[in-house]
Amino acid sequence: MKDLYKGYSILYFRTSLIMTTYFSTIDTMRRKTDLWNHRWGQFLITGGAAGFGMILAWPLEVLKNLAQSGNTTSGSTVQ
């Protein structure tokens, strides 16, 4: 049962970072530009915000994967 929540703390911080960045970027773009009034603008804003959030959270994603695999060093987990 203990292994069920392996990597949860890192997952929580990663998800919080992604979602905070996502909604903050969308809110900023809606307030400062008029792109939200167009469908292509909505596409660019939401896609860009998600990509930007994932780029910021990528180091935490790597740590989460290492914790869940039981590997303490970076590299291949294939034996």
C-alpha atoms as a PDB file:
ATOM      1  CA  MET A   1       0.000   0.000   0.000  1.00  0.00           C
ATOM      2  CA  LYS A   2       2.940   2.318   0.710  1.00  0.00           C
ATOM      3  CA  ASP A   3       4.153   2.029  -2.898  1.00  0.00           C
ATOM      4  CA  LEU A   4       0.784   3.193  -4.158  1.00  0.00           C
ATOM      5  CA  TYR A   5       1.589   6.818  -3.263  1.00  0.00           C
ATOM      6  CA  LYS A   6       5.225   6.757  -4.348  1.00  0.00           C
ATOM      7  CA  GLY A   7       6.088  10.066  -5.979  1.00  0.00           C
ATOM      8  CA  TYR A   8       2.864  11.754  -4.856  1.00  0.00           C
ATOM      9  CA  SER A   9       4.526  14.746  -3.192  1.00  0.00           C
ATOM     10  CA  ILE A  10       6.500  15.574  -6.329  1.00  0.00           C
ATOM     11  CA  LEU A  11       3.388  14.988  -8.433  1.00  0.00           C
ATOM     12  CA  TYR A  12       1.437  17.449  -6.287  1.00  0.00           C
ATOM     13  CA  PHE A  13       4.026  20.220  -6.735  1.00  0.00           C
ATOM     14  CA  ARG A  14       4.362  19.518 -10.472  1.00  0.00           C
ATOM     15  CA  THR A  15       0.628  19.684 -11.040  1.00  0.00           C
ATOM     16  CA  SER A  16       0.288  22.827  -8.921  1.00  0.00           C
ATOM     17  CA  LEU A  17       3.024  24.519 -10.937  1.00  0.00           C
ATOM     18  CA  ILE A  18       1.485  23.537 -14.273  1.00  0.00           C
ATOM     19  CA  MET A  19      -2.048  24.619 -13.343  1.00  0.00           C
ATOM     20  CA  THR A  20      -0.945  27.874 -11.705  1.00  0.00           C
ATOM     21  CA  THR A  21       1.144  28.788 -14.731  1.00  0.00           C
ATOM     22  CA  TYR A  22      -1.650  27.784 -17.123  1.00  0.00           C
ATOM     23  CA  PHE A  23      -4.391  29.871 -15.511  1.00  0.00           C
ATOM     24  CA  SER A  24      -2.100  32.827 -14.756  1.00  0.00           C
ATOM     25  CA  THR A  25      -0.931  32.979 -18.367  1.00  0.00           C
ATOM     26  CA  ILE A  26      -4.476  32.785 -19.710  1.00  0.00           C
ATOM     27  CA  ASP A  27      -5.668  35.486 -17.310  1.00  0.00           C
ATOM     28  CA  THR A  28      -2.759  37.771 -18.213  1.00  0.00           C
ATOM     29  CA  MET A  29      -3.293  37.312 -21.946  1.00  0.00           C
ATOM     30  CA  ARG A  30      -7.041  37.945 -21.632  1.00  0.00           C
ATOM     31  CA  ARG A  31      -6.421  41.181 -19.725  1.00  0.00           C
ATOM     32  CA  LYS A  32      -3.564  42.568 -21.815  1.00  0.00           C
ATOM     33  CA  THR A  33      -4.463  41.497 -25.360  1.00  0.00           C
ATOM     34  CA  ASP A  34      -7.566  41.070 -27.473  1.00  0.00           C
ATOM     35  CA  LEU A  35      -6.541  37.628 -28.784  1.00  0.00           C
ATOM     36  CA  TRP A  36      -9.232  35.929 -26.713  1.00  0.00           C
ATOM     37  CA  ASN A  37     -11.890  37.439 -28.998  1.00  0.00           C
ATOM     38  CA  HIS A  38     -10.801  35.176 -31.879  1.00  0.00           C
ATOM     39  CA  ARG A  39     -10.850  31.397 -32.113  1.00  0.00           C
ATOM     40  CA  TRP A  40      -7.256  31.199 -33.304  1.00  0.00           C
ATOM     41  CA  GLY A  41      -6.248  33.484 -30.446  1.00  0.00           C
ATOM     42  CA  GLN A  42      -7.911  31.183 -27.922  1.00  0.00           C
ATOM     43  CA  PHE A  43      -6.085  28.252 -29.494  1.00  0.00           C
ATOM     44  CA  LEU A  44      -2.728  30.027 -29.319  1.00  0.00           C
ATOM     45  CA  ILE A  45      -3.234  31.271 -25.766  1.00  0.00           C
ATOM     46  CA  THR A  46      -4.367  27.933 -24.298  1.00  0.00           C
ATOM     47  CA  GLY A  47      -1.773  25.917 -26.208  1.00  0.00           C
ATOM     48  CA  GLY A  48       1.005  28.332 -25.341  1.00  0.00           C
ATOM     49  CA  ALA A  49       0.009  28.442 -21.687  1.00  0.00           C
ATOM     50  CA  ALA A  50      -0.039  24.633 -21.448  1.00  0.00           C
ATOM     51  CA  GLY A  51       3.309  24.335 -23.207  1.00  0.00           C
ATOM     52  CA  PHE A  52       4.887  27.029 -21.045  1.00  0.00           C
ATOM     53  CA  GLY A  53       3.605  25.357 -17.877  1.00  0.00           C
ATOM     54  CA  MET A  54       4.978  21.988 -18.956  1.00  0.00           C
ATOM     55  CA  ILE A  55       8.382  23.469 -19.781  1.00  0.00           C
ATOM     56  CA  LEU A  56       8.565  25.001 -16.309  1.00  0.00           C
ATOM     57  CA  ALA A  57       7.476  21.775 -14.634  1.00  0.00           C
ATOM     58  CA  TRP A  58       9.660  19.396 -16.667  1.00  0.00           C
ATOM     59  CA  PRO A  59      12.379  19.012 -13.971  1.00  0.00           C
ATOM     60  CA  LEU A  60       9.678  17.978 -11.488  1.00  0.00           C
ATOM     61  CA  GLU A  61       8.312  15.522 -14.065  1.00  0.00           C
ATOM     62  CA  VAL A  62      11.718  13.853 -14.257  1.00  0.00           C
ATOM     63  CA  LEU A  63      11.933  13.651 -10.459  1.00  0.00           C
ATOM     64  CA  LYS A  64       8.430  12.160 -10.295  1.00  0.00           C
ATOM     65  CA  ASN A  65       9.330   9.505 -12.858  1.00  0.00           C
ATOM     66  CA  LEU A  66      12.517   8.618 -10.975  1.00  0.00           C
ATOM     67  CA  ALA A  67      10.635   8.358  -7.677  1.00  0.00           C
ATOM     68  CA  GLN A  68       7.905   6.179  -9.158  1.00  0.00           C
ATOM     69  CA  SER A  69      10.398   3.870 -10.854  1.00  0.00           C
ATOM     70  CA  GLY A  70      12.446   3.484  -7.673  1.00  0.00           C
ATOM     71  CA  ASN A  71      15.537   4.787  -9.446  1.00  0.00           C
ATOM     72  CA  THR A  72      17.615   7.307  -7.477  1.00  0.00           C
ATOM     73  CA  THR A  73      19.856   8.423 -10.363  1.00  0.00           C
ATOM     74  CA  SER A  74      19.000   9.747 -13.772  1.00  0.00           C
ATOM     75  CA  GLY A  75      19.358   7.487 -16.761  1.00  0.00           C
ATOM     76  CA  SER A  76      17.766   4.360 -18.084  1.00  0.00           C
ATOM     77  CA  THR A  77      15.615   2.248 -15.812  1.00  0.00           C
ATOM     78  CA  VAL A  78      15.910  -0.743 -18.174  1.00  0.00           C
ATOM     79  CA  GLN A  79      18.144  -3.466 -16.725  1.00  0.00           C
END
